[in-house]
Every structure is written in C-alpha cells, then in structure tokens.
Amino acid sequence: MGESGVGGHLQSRWAAITKARQRVEALKNLIGPLDSLDILQESEWPAKLLLKDATIAQLITSRISSAKSGHGKDPLCQWLYDTFQTKDPDLQDVVLR
C-alpha cells in the first residue's frame, strides 16, 4: 500500500473514532454521567467497546422499553436513529444490539 493509502486509512480511522466519540458524548447527555462512558470517550475503539458494554446496553434497553419511550420527540429514539445513520458498521451494530 502506498503512502497515500496509509494516510487515507489513518484519516478514515480517525474520522470513525471521532464520530463514535461524538455519539458516546450524545448518549452521555441523555443517560447522565457513567464511568464506562467516560472511558469510551478516551478509547481508540469507542464503538466496539460501546457494543460490548452490557451496562449501557441494559440502560438503553430499559429506557426504550418504558411506556414513555417513542412518544413525541423521544431523545433516545433520536439518538438511536442518528447513530444508525452514521453508516459506521460498529455504531450500527450498537443500535441493532
């Protein structure tokens, strides 16, 4: 792979990390401070770690399962939609989980 290929890959990887960190920050604004979210924001693999975090998955599941979920402009539903629309396969997997 030529030098421009490596540079392009690094830029692409950094863009994916940045996008995932932004989605983690948006989630943090919805569900409140959580140590694991802080750790995810500093990680080089925030989307993959978010996917594996059972605590966060349970929080999202319980909120999305509540009677109030989905009504009006539910911020968590919007987060799920926006996260899926990133077209990042790891972030899409988070939503599907």
C-alpha atoms as a PDB file:
ATOM      1  CA  MET A   1       0.000   0.000   0.000  1.00  0.00           C
ATOM      2  CA  GLY A   2       1.418   3.384  -0.951  1.00  0.00           C
ATOM      3  CA  GLU A   3       1.916   6.251   1.415  1.00  0.00           C
ATOM      4  CA  SER A   4      -1.305   7.958   0.315  1.00  0.00           C
ATOM      5  CA  GLY A   5      -3.184   4.714   1.007  1.00  0.00           C
ATOM      6  CA  VAL A   6      -1.858   4.584   4.549  1.00  0.00           C
ATOM      7  CA  GLY A   7      -2.645   8.264   5.099  1.00  0.00           C
ATOM      8  CA  GLY A   8      -6.144   7.791   3.754  1.00  0.00           C
ATOM      9  CA  HIS A   9      -6.682   4.813   6.033  1.00  0.00           C
ATOM     10  CA  LEU A  10      -5.476   6.790   9.058  1.00  0.00           C
ATOM     11  CA  GLN A  11      -7.758   9.704   8.201  1.00  0.00           C
ATOM     12  CA  SER A  12     -10.665   7.307   7.768  1.00  0.00           C
ATOM     13  CA  ARG A  13      -9.878   5.596  11.069  1.00  0.00           C
ATOM     14  CA  TRP A  14      -9.597   8.924  12.892  1.00  0.00           C
ATOM     15  CA  ALA A  15     -12.926  10.049  11.390  1.00  0.00           C
ATOM     16  CA  ALA A  16     -14.568   6.838  12.663  1.00  0.00           C
ATOM     17  CA  ILE A  17     -13.105   7.353  16.153  1.00  0.00           C
ATOM     18  CA  THR A  18     -14.263  10.972  16.215  1.00  0.00           C
ATOM     19  CA  LYS A  19     -17.758  10.041  15.051  1.00  0.00           C
ATOM     20  CA  ALA A  20     -18.032   7.296  17.669  1.00  0.00           C
ATOM     21  CA  ARG A  21     -16.816   9.629  20.419  1.00  0.00           C
ATOM     22  CA  GLN A  22     -19.450  12.161  19.381  1.00  0.00           C
ATOM     23  CA  ARG A  23     -22.177   9.511  19.607  1.00  0.00           C
ATOM     24  CA  VAL A  24     -20.883   8.480  23.058  1.00  0.00           C
ATOM     25  CA  GLU A  25     -20.977  12.127  24.172  1.00  0.00           C
ATOM     26  CA  ALA A  26     -24.550  12.464  22.895  1.00  0.00           C
ATOM     27  CA  LEU A  27     -25.533   9.299  24.785  1.00  0.00           C
ATOM     28  CA  LYS A  28     -23.863  10.623  27.915  1.00  0.00           C
ATOM     29  CA  ASN A  29     -26.012  13.750  27.635  1.00  0.00           C
ATOM     30  CA  LEU A  30     -29.107  11.519  27.538  1.00  0.00           C
ATOM     31  CA  ILE A  31     -28.418   8.987  30.266  1.00  0.00           C
ATOM     32  CA  GLY A  32     -26.148  11.006  32.502  1.00  0.00           C
ATOM     33  CA  PRO A  33     -22.616  10.504  33.729  1.00  0.00           C
ATOM     34  CA  LEU A  34     -21.341   6.966  33.769  1.00  0.00           C
ATOM     35  CA  ASP A  35     -17.738   5.887  34.306  1.00  0.00           C
ATOM     36  CA  SER A  36     -17.826   3.495  31.373  1.00  0.00           C
ATOM     37  CA  LEU A  37     -18.956   6.283  29.030  1.00  0.00           C
ATOM     38  CA  ASP A  38     -16.016   8.421  30.139  1.00  0.00           C
ATOM     39  CA  ILE A  39     -13.669   5.529  29.411  1.00  0.00           C
ATOM     40  CA  LEU A  40     -15.257   5.001  25.983  1.00  0.00           C
ATOM     41  CA  GLN A  41     -14.671   8.618  25.018  1.00  0.00           C
ATOM     42  CA  GLU A  42     -10.955   8.231  25.581  1.00  0.00           C
ATOM     43  CA  SER A  43     -10.690   4.871  23.854  1.00  0.00           C
ATOM     44  CA  GLU A  44      -9.266   4.218  20.408  1.00  0.00           C
ATOM     45  CA  TRP A  45     -12.197   1.812  19.849  1.00  0.00           C
ATOM     46  CA  PRO A  46     -15.233   3.601  21.337  1.00  0.00           C
ATOM     47  CA  ALA A  47     -17.847   1.976  19.094  1.00  0.00           C
ATOM     48  CA  LYS A  48     -16.562  -1.563  19.652  1.00  0.00           C
ATOM     49  CA  LEU A  49     -16.395  -1.046  23.411  1.00  0.00           C
ATOM     50  CA  LEU A  50     -19.851   0.538  23.443  1.00  0.00           C
ATOM     51  CA  LEU A  51     -21.175  -2.538  21.679  1.00  0.00           C
ATOM     52  CA  LYS A  52     -19.668  -4.813  24.346  1.00  0.00           C
ATOM     53  CA  ASP A  53     -20.778  -2.765  27.375  1.00  0.00           C
ATOM     54  CA  ALA A  54     -23.625  -4.728  28.988  1.00  0.00           C
ATOM     55  CA  THR A  55     -24.442  -1.974  31.497  1.00  0.00           C
ATOM     56  CA  ILE A  56     -25.015   0.619  28.826  1.00  0.00           C
ATOM     57  CA  ALA A  57     -26.976  -1.860  26.700  1.00  0.00           C
ATOM     58  CA  GLN A  58     -29.222  -2.582  29.683  1.00  0.00           C
ATOM     59  CA  LEU A  59     -29.762   1.136  30.353  1.00  0.00           C
ATOM     60  CA  ILE A  60     -30.754   1.744  26.745  1.00  0.00           C
ATOM     61  CA  THR A  61     -32.986  -1.333  26.673  1.00  0.00           C
ATOM     62  CA  SER A  62     -34.804  -0.403  29.870  1.00  0.00           C
ATOM     63  CA  ARG A  63     -35.354   3.172  28.713  1.00  0.00           C
ATOM     64  CA  ILE A  64     -36.524   2.157  25.255  1.00  0.00           C
ATOM     65  CA  SER A  65     -38.880  -0.417  26.810  1.00  0.00           C
ATOM     66  CA  SER A  66     -40.579   2.083  29.098  1.00  0.00           C
ATOM     67  CA  ALA A  67     -44.140   3.230  28.423  1.00  0.00           C
ATOM     68  CA  LYS A  68     -42.964   6.791  27.711  1.00  0.00           C
ATOM     69  CA  SER A  69     -40.452   5.732  25.066  1.00  0.00           C
ATOM     70  CA  GLY A  70     -41.168   6.612  21.466  1.00  0.00           C
ATOM     71  CA  HIS A  71     -43.688   9.329  22.231  1.00  0.00           C
ATOM     72  CA  GLY A  72     -43.194  12.748  20.721  1.00  0.00           C
ATOM     73  CA  LYS A  73     -39.571  13.586  20.148  1.00  0.00           C
ATOM     74  CA  ASP A  74     -38.008  10.927  22.335  1.00  0.00           C
ATOM     75  CA  PRO A  75     -34.310  11.875  22.591  1.00  0.00           C
ATOM     76  CA  LEU A  76     -33.175   8.262  22.988  1.00  0.00           C
ATOM     77  CA  CYS A  77     -35.068   7.191  19.854  1.00  0.00           C
ATOM     78  CA  GLN A  78     -33.461  10.128  18.048  1.00  0.00           C
ATOM     79  CA  TRP A  79     -30.039   9.049  19.326  1.00  0.00           C
ATOM     80  CA  LEU A  80     -30.618   5.519  18.050  1.00  0.00           C
ATOM     81  CA  TYR A  81     -31.734   6.844  14.662  1.00  0.00           C
ATOM     82  CA  ASP A  82     -28.836   9.305  14.339  1.00  0.00           C
ATOM     83  CA  THR A  83     -26.341   6.673  15.461  1.00  0.00           C
ATOM     84  CA  PHE A  84     -27.585   4.183  12.884  1.00  0.00           C
ATOM     85  CA  GLN A  85     -27.453   6.861  10.175  1.00  0.00           C
ATOM     86  CA  THR A  86     -23.714   7.345  10.693  1.00  0.00           C
ATOM     87  CA  LYS A  87     -23.186   4.402   8.314  1.00  0.00           C
ATOM     88  CA  ASP A  88     -20.418   3.181  10.645  1.00  0.00           C
ATOM     89  CA  PRO A  89     -20.862  -0.602  10.910  1.00  0.00           C
ATOM     90  CA  ASP A  90     -19.748  -0.722  14.547  1.00  0.00           C
ATOM     91  CA  LEU A  91     -22.159   2.039  15.553  1.00  0.00           C
ATOM     92  CA  GLN A  92     -24.944   0.407  13.568  1.00  0.00           C
ATOM     93  CA  ASP A  93     -24.261  -2.813  15.485  1.00  0.00           C
ATOM     94  CA  VAL A  94     -24.690  -0.878  18.741  1.00  0.00           C
ATOM     95  CA  VAL A  95     -28.163   0.192  17.630  1.00  0.00           C
ATOM     96  CA  LEU A  96     -29.113  -3.283  16.452  1.00  0.00           C
ATOM     97  CA  ARG A  97     -27.991  -4.818  19.732  1.00  0.00           C
END
